[in-house]
Amino acid sequence: MAQCRACGELVFDDRADEQVSDVLRSHLSLLTPGPIRQALRTLGMQQKTLAASLGIAEATLSRWLSGGLIQSRAMDNLLRVCFGIPAVREVLTGAKSVSDLGVSAET
């Protein structure tokens, strides 16, 4: 971390910013880019497919994977469910159709 000689303000470089993001993810127990990339590889899933399954832009997923953006708790939970439960992944990717998923027919 550098400090401005004129005013004394601390200037964060890219590495310091990455460290702050890593600590925040750790504190919040959010997935980091590495495990997300590993899950994609393990499942043989492309980024485009995952982004579409989650209902997000590919650019958003790309920022999660590069560490430039931290996903919300809700999206982190959805990532974990998508990666961990094959039936959910099938529904989210469209491989298995489930009409009215989660919608009650009660009136």
C-alpha atoms as a PDB file:
ATOM      1  CA  MET A   1       0.000   0.000   0.000  1.00  0.00           C
ATOM      2  CA  ALA A   2       1.361   3.392  -0.969  1.00  0.00           C
ATOM      3  CA  GLN A   3       0.903   6.747   0.695  1.00  0.00           C
ATOM      4  CA  CYS A   4       0.622  10.125  -1.011  1.00  0.00           C
ATOM      5  CA  ARG A   5       3.613  12.270  -0.050  1.00  0.00           C
ATOM      6  CA  ALA A   6       1.608  15.483  -0.379  1.00  0.00           C
ATOM      7  CA  CYS A   7      -1.497  14.696   1.686  1.00  0.00           C
ATOM      8  CA  GLY A   8      -0.716  11.380   3.421  1.00  0.00           C
ATOM      9  CA  GLU A   9      -3.723   9.589   1.899  1.00  0.00           C
ATOM     10  CA  LEU A  10      -3.309   5.829   1.580  1.00  0.00           C
ATOM     11  CA  VAL A  11      -3.540   4.506  -1.958  1.00  0.00           C
ATOM     12  CA  PHE A  12      -4.582   0.899  -2.479  1.00  0.00           C
ATOM     13  CA  ASP A  13      -2.981  -0.927  -5.372  1.00  0.00           C
ATOM     14  CA  ASP A  14      -4.633  -3.883  -7.114  1.00  0.00           C
ATOM     15  CA  ARG A  15      -3.033  -6.399  -4.744  1.00  0.00           C
ATOM     16  CA  ALA A  16      -4.266  -4.564  -1.644  1.00  0.00           C
ATOM     17  CA  ASP A  17      -7.748  -4.365  -3.165  1.00  0.00           C
ATOM     18  CA  GLU A  18      -7.675  -8.135  -3.814  1.00  0.00           C
ATOM     19  CA  GLN A  19      -6.642  -8.770  -0.220  1.00  0.00           C
ATOM     20  CA  VAL A  20      -9.514  -6.648   1.110  1.00  0.00           C
ATOM     21  CA  SER A  21     -11.957  -8.520  -1.144  1.00  0.00           C
ATOM     22  CA  ASP A  22     -10.555 -11.891  -0.018  1.00  0.00           C
ATOM     23  CA  VAL A  23     -10.952 -10.954   3.651  1.00  0.00           C
ATOM     24  CA  LEU A  24     -14.499  -9.734   3.057  1.00  0.00           C
ATOM     25  CA  ARG A  25     -15.453 -12.951   1.229  1.00  0.00           C
ATOM     26  CA  SER A  26     -13.898 -14.982   4.029  1.00  0.00           C
ATOM     27  CA  HIS A  27     -15.663 -12.984   6.739  1.00  0.00           C
ATOM     28  CA  LEU A  28     -19.011 -13.403   4.949  1.00  0.00           C
ATOM     29  CA  SER A  29     -18.277 -17.062   4.050  1.00  0.00           C
ATOM     30  CA  LEU A  30     -18.788 -16.376   0.347  1.00  0.00           C
ATOM     31  CA  LEU A  31     -17.293 -18.483  -2.414  1.00  0.00           C
ATOM     32  CA  THR A  32     -14.085 -17.084  -3.850  1.00  0.00           C
ATOM     33  CA  PRO A  33     -13.271 -17.077  -7.565  1.00  0.00           C
ATOM     34  CA  GLY A  34     -11.114 -20.223  -7.318  1.00  0.00           C
ATOM     35  CA  PRO A  35     -13.825 -22.583  -6.020  1.00  0.00           C
ATOM     36  CA  ILE A  36     -16.342 -21.160  -8.492  1.00  0.00           C
ATOM     37  CA  ARG A  37     -13.936 -21.838 -11.389  1.00  0.00           C
ATOM     38  CA  GLN A  38     -13.207 -25.309  -9.983  1.00  0.00           C
ATOM     39  CA  ALA A  39     -16.913 -26.149  -9.771  1.00  0.00           C
ATOM     40  CA  LEU A  40     -17.364 -25.054 -13.382  1.00  0.00           C
ATOM     41  CA  ARG A  41     -14.486 -27.326 -14.455  1.00  0.00           C
ATOM     42  CA  THR A  42     -15.678 -30.263 -12.356  1.00  0.00           C
ATOM     43  CA  LEU A  43     -19.200 -30.009 -13.760  1.00  0.00           C
ATOM     44  CA  GLY A  44     -17.993 -29.358 -17.303  1.00  0.00           C
ATOM     45  CA  MET A  45     -20.173 -26.263 -17.332  1.00  0.00           C
ATOM     46  CA  GLN A  46     -19.417 -23.202 -19.417  1.00  0.00           C
ATOM     47  CA  GLN A  47     -19.618 -19.707 -17.974  1.00  0.00           C
ATOM     48  CA  LYS A  48     -22.352 -18.815 -20.455  1.00  0.00           C
ATOM     49  CA  THR A  49     -24.509 -21.704 -19.242  1.00  0.00           C
ATOM     50  CA  LEU A  50     -24.009 -20.871 -15.576  1.00  0.00           C
ATOM     51  CA  ALA A  51     -24.790 -17.188 -16.133  1.00  0.00           C
ATOM     52  CA  ALA A  52     -27.997 -18.053 -17.991  1.00  0.00           C
ATOM     53  CA  SER A  53     -28.952 -20.549 -15.271  1.00  0.00           C
ATOM     54  CA  LEU A  54     -28.507 -17.926 -12.560  1.00  0.00           C
ATOM     55  CA  GLY A  55     -30.307 -15.251 -14.563  1.00  0.00           C
ATOM     56  CA  ILE A  56     -27.304 -12.925 -14.650  1.00  0.00           C
ATOM     57  CA  ALA A  57     -25.200 -11.359 -17.387  1.00  0.00           C
ATOM     58  CA  GLU A  58     -22.065 -13.201 -18.471  1.00  0.00           C
ATOM     59  CA  ALA A  59     -20.119 -10.040 -17.627  1.00  0.00           C
ATOM     60  CA  THR A  60     -21.315 -10.264 -14.021  1.00  0.00           C
ATOM     61  CA  LEU A  61     -20.113 -13.849 -13.713  1.00  0.00           C
ATOM     62  CA  SER A  62     -16.842 -12.863 -15.358  1.00  0.00           C
ATOM     63  CA  ARG A  63     -16.349 -10.159 -12.721  1.00  0.00           C
ATOM     64  CA  TRP A  64     -17.021 -12.699  -9.948  1.00  0.00           C
ATOM     65  CA  LEU A  65     -14.422 -15.004 -11.488  1.00  0.00           C
ATOM     66  CA  SER A  66     -11.837 -12.246 -11.879  1.00  0.00           C
ATOM     67  CA  GLY A  67     -12.422 -11.013  -8.330  1.00  0.00           C
ATOM     68  CA  GLY A  68     -13.586  -7.623  -9.567  1.00  0.00           C
ATOM     69  CA  LEU A  69     -17.049  -8.028  -8.071  1.00  0.00           C
ATOM     70  CA  ILE A  70     -18.296  -9.864  -4.993  1.00  0.00           C
ATOM     71  CA  GLN A  71     -21.540 -11.773  -5.346  1.00  0.00           C
ATOM     72  CA  SER A  72     -24.429 -11.165  -2.955  1.00  0.00           C
ATOM     73  CA  ARG A  73     -25.309 -13.670  -0.237  1.00  0.00           C
ATOM     74  CA  ALA A  74     -28.407 -14.688  -2.239  1.00  0.00           C
ATOM     75  CA  MET A  75     -26.362 -15.340  -5.386  1.00  0.00           C
ATOM     76  CA  ASP A  76     -23.738 -17.188  -3.365  1.00  0.00           C
ATOM     77  CA  ASN A  77     -26.471 -19.447  -1.973  1.00  0.00           C
ATOM     78  CA  LEU A  78     -27.826 -20.033  -5.481  1.00  0.00           C
ATOM     79  CA  LEU A  79     -24.328 -20.882  -6.741  1.00  0.00           C
ATOM     80  CA  ARG A  80     -23.893 -23.427  -3.949  1.00  0.00           C
ATOM     81  CA  VAL A  81     -27.294 -25.015  -4.605  1.00  0.00           C
ATOM     82  CA  CYS A  82     -26.647 -25.091  -8.349  1.00  0.00           C
ATOM     83  CA  PHE A  83     -23.219 -26.667  -7.896  1.00  0.00           C
ATOM     84  CA  GLY A  84     -24.243 -29.081  -5.165  1.00  0.00           C
ATOM     85  CA  ILE A  85     -27.613 -30.457  -6.210  1.00  0.00           C
ATOM     86  CA  PRO A  86     -27.836 -32.059  -9.655  1.00  0.00           C
ATOM     87  CA  ALA A  87     -31.651 -31.848  -9.810  1.00  0.00           C
ATOM     88  CA  VAL A  88     -31.540 -28.100  -9.190  1.00  0.00           C
ATOM     89  CA  ARG A  89     -28.835 -27.709 -11.825  1.00  0.00           C
ATOM     90  CA  GLU A  90     -31.004 -29.611 -14.318  1.00  0.00           C
ATOM     91  CA  VAL A  91     -33.938 -27.306 -13.680  1.00  0.00           C
ATOM     92  CA  LEU A  92     -31.824 -24.133 -13.807  1.00  0.00           C
ATOM     93  CA  THR A  93     -30.051 -25.127 -17.026  1.00  0.00           C
ATOM     94  CA  GLY A  94     -33.326 -26.129 -18.654  1.00  0.00           C
ATOM     95  CA  ALA A  95     -32.295 -29.765 -18.988  1.00  0.00           C
ATOM     96  CA  LYS A  96     -35.354 -30.734 -16.975  1.00  0.00           C
ATOM     97  CA  SER A  97     -38.587 -28.795 -17.122  1.00  0.00           C
ATOM     98  CA  VAL A  98     -40.561 -28.318 -13.968  1.00  0.00           C
ATOM     99  CA  SER A  99     -43.682 -26.287 -14.597  1.00  0.00           C
ATOM    100  CA  ASP A 100     -44.795 -23.944 -11.869  1.00  0.00           C
ATOM    101  CA  LEU A 101     -41.742 -24.745  -9.780  1.00  0.00           C
ATOM    102  CA  GLY A 102     -42.374 -23.396  -6.291  1.00  0.00           C
ATOM    103  CA  VAL A 103     -45.786 -22.020  -7.185  1.00  0.00           C
ATOM    104  CA  SER A 104     -48.706 -23.188  -5.102  1.00  0.00           C
ATOM    105  CA  ALA A 105     -52.039 -23.923  -6.769  1.00  0.00           C
ATOM    106  CA  GLU A 106     -53.921 -22.890  -3.627  1.00  0.00           C
ATOM    107  CA  THR A 107     -56.396 -20.062  -3.969  1.00  0.00           C
END
